[in-house]
Protein backbone atom coordinates (compact mmCIF):
# COMPACT_ATOMS: atom_id res chain seq x y z
CA UNK A 1 15.94 -0.96 34.37
CA UNK A 2 18.12 -1.29 31.32
CA UNK A 3 16.98 -1.93 27.76
CA UNK A 4 17.70 -5.66 27.89
CA UNK A 5 15.57 -6.09 31.01
CA UNK A 6 12.74 -4.21 29.34
CA UNK A 7 12.97 -6.44 26.26
CA UNK A 8 12.78 -9.53 28.50
CA UNK A 9 9.63 -8.15 30.13
CA UNK A 10 8.08 -7.34 26.76
CA UNK A 11 8.84 -10.86 25.48
CA UNK A 12 7.27 -12.38 28.58
CA UNK A 13 4.26 -10.13 28.11
CA UNK A 14 3.85 -11.14 24.47
CA UNK A 15 4.03 -14.83 25.35
CA UNK A 16 1.64 -14.76 28.29
CA UNK A 17 -0.82 -11.89 28.07
CA UNK A 18 -2.89 -12.87 25.07
CA UNK A 19 -3.46 -16.36 26.40
CA UNK A 20 -4.04 -15.38 30.04
CA UNK A 21 -6.19 -12.27 29.66
CA UNK A 22 -9.03 -12.22 27.16
CA UNK A 23 -9.72 -8.49 27.53
CA UNK A 24 -6.09 -7.65 26.85
CA UNK A 25 -6.06 -9.94 23.83
CA UNK A 26 -9.17 -8.16 22.54
CA UNK A 27 -7.89 -4.61 23.02
CA UNK A 28 -4.36 -5.28 21.80
CA UNK A 29 -5.44 -6.86 18.52
CA UNK A 30 -4.72 -3.64 16.62
CA UNK A 31 -3.57 -0.08 17.22
CA UNK A 32 -7.07 1.40 17.22
CA UNK A 33 -8.38 -1.05 19.83
CA UNK A 34 -5.28 -0.35 21.89
CA UNK A 35 -6.00 3.39 21.76
CA UNK A 36 -9.58 2.76 22.93
CA UNK A 37 -8.34 0.60 25.82
CA UNK A 38 -5.78 3.16 26.97
CA UNK A 39 -8.22 6.09 26.76
CA UNK A 40 -10.96 4.32 28.70
CA UNK A 41 -8.63 2.98 31.38
CA UNK A 42 -6.94 6.35 31.80
CA UNK A 43 -10.32 7.99 32.35
CA UNK A 44 -11.26 5.26 34.82
CA UNK A 45 -8.10 5.66 36.91
CA UNK A 46 -8.35 9.47 36.79
CA UNK A 47 -11.89 9.16 38.18
CA UNK A 48 -13.00 11.11 35.18
CA UNK A 49 -16.74 11.07 34.69
CA UNK A 50 -16.47 12.33 31.12
CA UNK A 51 -16.41 8.93 29.46
CA UNK A 52 -18.54 10.28 26.67
CA UNK A 53 -18.05 8.36 23.44
CA UNK A 54 -17.47 11.56 21.45
CA UNK A 55 -14.77 12.71 23.89
CA UNK A 56 -13.03 9.35 23.59
CA UNK A 57 -13.20 9.51 19.79
CA UNK A 58 -11.60 12.98 19.81
CA UNK A 59 -8.63 11.62 21.80
CA UNK A 60 -7.71 9.01 19.20
CA UNK A 61 -5.61 10.39 16.33
CA UNK A 62 -7.66 10.47 13.13
CA UNK A 63 -4.80 9.00 11.10
CA UNK A 64 -5.20 5.73 13.03
CA UNK A 65 -8.88 5.05 12.46
CA UNK A 66 -12.34 6.00 11.29
CA UNK A 67 -15.53 6.61 13.27
CA UNK A 68 -17.20 3.43 11.96
CA UNK A 69 -14.18 1.38 13.07
CA UNK A 70 -14.32 2.93 16.54
CA UNK A 71 -18.02 2.24 16.88
CA UNK A 72 -17.42 -1.36 15.80
CA UNK A 73 -14.79 -1.73 18.54
CA UNK A 74 -17.11 -0.14 21.11
CA UNK A 75 -20.00 -2.40 20.10
CA UNK A 76 -17.86 -5.56 20.07
CA UNK A 77 -16.40 -4.72 23.50
CA UNK A 78 -19.87 -4.12 24.93
CA UNK A 79 -21.18 -7.40 23.46
CA UNK A 80 -18.24 -9.27 25.01
CA UNK A 81 -18.86 -7.46 28.31
CA UNK A 82 -15.44 -5.79 28.34
CA UNK A 83 -17.08 -2.35 28.39
CA UNK A 84 -20.44 -1.08 29.51
CA UNK A 85 -22.37 1.56 27.65
CA UNK A 86 -24.64 3.86 29.62
CA UNK A 87 -26.82 6.80 28.70
CA UNK A 88 -25.44 10.11 29.94
CA UNK A 89 -27.29 11.31 33.06
CA UNK A 90 -27.45 14.91 31.83
CA UNK A 91 -28.06 14.34 28.14
CA UNK A 92 -29.83 11.12 27.18
CA UNK A 93 -28.72 11.55 23.54
CA UNK A 94 -25.13 10.87 24.58
CA UNK A 95 -23.56 7.61 25.75
CA UNK A 96 -20.67 6.86 28.08
CA UNK A 97 -18.31 3.89 28.09
CA UNK A 98 -16.83 2.29 31.19
CA UNK A 99 -14.51 -0.68 31.70
CA UNK A 100 -16.17 -3.69 33.29
CA UNK A 101 -14.83 -5.32 36.43
CA UNK A 102 -13.26 -8.04 34.26
CA UNK A 103 -11.40 -5.46 32.17
CA UNK A 104 -10.15 -3.66 35.28
CA UNK A 105 -9.15 -6.89 37.04
CA UNK A 106 -7.24 -8.23 34.04
CA UNK A 107 -5.51 -4.90 33.45
CA UNK A 108 -4.36 -4.76 37.05
CA UNK A 109 -3.13 -8.37 36.99
CA UNK A 110 -1.41 -7.84 33.65
CA UNK A 111 0.26 -4.61 34.79
CA UNK A 112 2.06 -6.51 37.58
CA UNK A 113 4.53 -7.76 34.99
CA UNK A 114 5.85 -4.19 34.79
CA UNK A 115 5.67 -3.42 38.51
CA UNK A 116 7.58 -6.48 39.66
CA UNK A 117 10.77 -5.42 37.91
């Protein structure tokens, strides 16, 4: 793929994704939300059971956000049912975040734009 083809794909993505996929619109609204989305999906596809909120927070560069902002994103995503929050099985003081089936489904549909090239 050359640069021009990539730009065409990115333009198509910008035009379509935010109107077709509500979870993608939510997580791509700013750089911090985007970081959260990428971290959680990466853990999901790596079958990583360490979806602990504190571990996710440590992955996001501190220059991009604050803890209160991250917790606001987590809470908003849980309220909208884009993420689920569960108590850790080993330590009930900790919580884990997981993408919902809607978030996974929309990510997989959205990602086709890049696979079909």
